[in-house]
Amino acid sequence: MALKIRLTRLGDKKSPFYRVVVADSRSPRDGKFVEILGTYNPLTNPAEIKINNEKAVEWIKNGAQPTDTAKELLIKSGAIERK
């Protein structure tokens, strides 16, 4: 089972709101997930990012791979360092 840290979409049409979750890479985007790490609201100015950095680092140590977008959010929240 390959775990990914990725976004699931919530919110209404034209007003997206995202959860940052740990999920099996084979499950659908808005499907089953293992754990919620935080939220991301792109509509506020500046965009609101709330992520539990300790949990995120723990999942990365356990082998979870962040997607490109999730990786950028983790860098902005301070969970991981930019290389």
Protein backbone atom coordinates (compact mmCIF):
# COMPACT_ATOMS: atom_id res chain seq x y z
CA MET A 1 0.00 0.00 0.00
CA ALA A 2 1.60 3.26 -1.16
CA LEU A 3 0.54 6.20 0.99
CA LYS A 4 0.27 9.73 -0.37
CA ILE A 5 -0.21 13.08 1.34
CA ARG A 6 -2.67 14.88 -0.91
CA LEU A 7 -5.68 17.19 -1.08
CA THR A 8 -9.35 16.24 -1.08
CA ARG A 9 -11.81 18.84 -2.33
CA LEU A 10 -14.72 20.09 -0.25
CA GLY A 11 -16.88 23.18 -0.64
CA ASP A 12 -19.44 24.27 -3.19
CA LYS A 13 -19.13 24.88 -6.88
CA LYS A 14 -16.69 27.75 -7.56
CA SER A 15 -15.72 27.94 -3.86
CA PRO A 16 -13.17 25.20 -3.19
CA PHE A 17 -11.92 24.20 0.24
CA TYR A 18 -9.39 21.41 0.70
CA ARG A 19 -8.36 18.92 3.36
CA VAL A 20 -4.76 17.73 3.48
CA VAL A 21 -5.01 13.98 4.08
CA VAL A 22 -2.97 10.79 4.10
CA ALA A 23 -4.56 8.30 1.70
CA ASP A 24 -3.79 5.14 -0.25
CA SER A 25 -2.57 6.19 -3.69
CA ARG A 26 -5.15 3.88 -5.33
CA SER A 27 -8.19 5.44 -3.63
CA PRO A 28 -10.16 8.17 -5.47
CA ARG A 29 -9.46 11.87 -4.81
CA ASP A 30 -12.43 12.38 -2.49
CA GLY A 31 -12.53 8.76 -1.31
CA LYS A 32 -11.33 6.94 1.76
CA PHE A 33 -8.35 8.36 3.68
CA VAL A 34 -6.23 7.29 6.64
CA GLU A 35 -5.89 10.59 8.54
CA ILE A 36 -6.62 14.31 8.18
CA LEU A 37 -3.49 16.44 8.58
CA GLY A 38 -5.03 19.88 8.05
CA THR A 39 -6.92 22.24 5.76
CA TYR A 40 -6.21 24.67 2.94
CA ASN A 41 -8.48 27.55 1.90
CA PRO A 42 -7.28 29.20 -1.33
CA LEU A 43 -10.06 31.82 -1.38
CA THR A 44 -8.83 33.92 1.56
CA ASN A 45 -6.14 36.52 0.98
CA PRO A 46 -3.51 35.33 1.81
CA ALA A 47 -4.48 31.66 1.43
CA GLU A 48 -5.16 30.01 4.81
CA ILE A 49 -3.06 26.92 5.50
CA LYS A 50 -3.56 24.96 8.75
CA ILE A 51 -1.49 21.79 8.95
CA ASN A 52 -0.44 19.71 11.96
CA ASN A 53 3.30 19.71 11.22
CA GLU A 54 4.18 17.02 13.77
CA LYS A 55 1.76 14.53 12.22
CA ALA A 56 2.92 15.43 8.70
CA VAL A 57 6.59 14.86 9.55
CA GLU A 58 5.70 11.54 11.23
CA TRP A 59 3.85 10.33 8.11
CA ILE A 60 6.71 11.38 5.83
CA LYS A 61 9.16 9.47 8.07
CA ASN A 62 6.87 6.43 7.74
CA GLY A 63 7.09 6.62 3.94
CA ALA A 64 4.11 8.73 2.84
CA GLN A 65 4.93 10.68 -0.34
CA PRO A 66 3.42 14.19 -0.72
CA THR A 67 1.99 15.21 -4.10
CA ASP A 68 3.48 18.35 -5.71
CA THR A 69 0.73 20.64 -4.41
CA ALA A 70 0.75 19.09 -0.94
CA LYS A 71 4.54 19.42 -0.84
CA GLU A 72 4.31 23.17 -1.54
CA LEU A 73 1.73 23.55 1.26
CA LEU A 74 3.94 21.56 3.67
CA ILE A 75 6.89 23.81 2.81
CA LYS A 76 4.79 26.96 3.40
CA SER A 77 3.53 25.63 6.76
CA GLY A 78 7.08 24.74 7.82
CA ALA A 79 6.64 20.96 8.04
CA ILE A 80 9.43 20.27 5.52
CA GLU A 81 12.43 22.20 4.25
CA ARG A 82 12.81 23.33 0.64
CA LYS A 83 15.74 21.52 -0.95
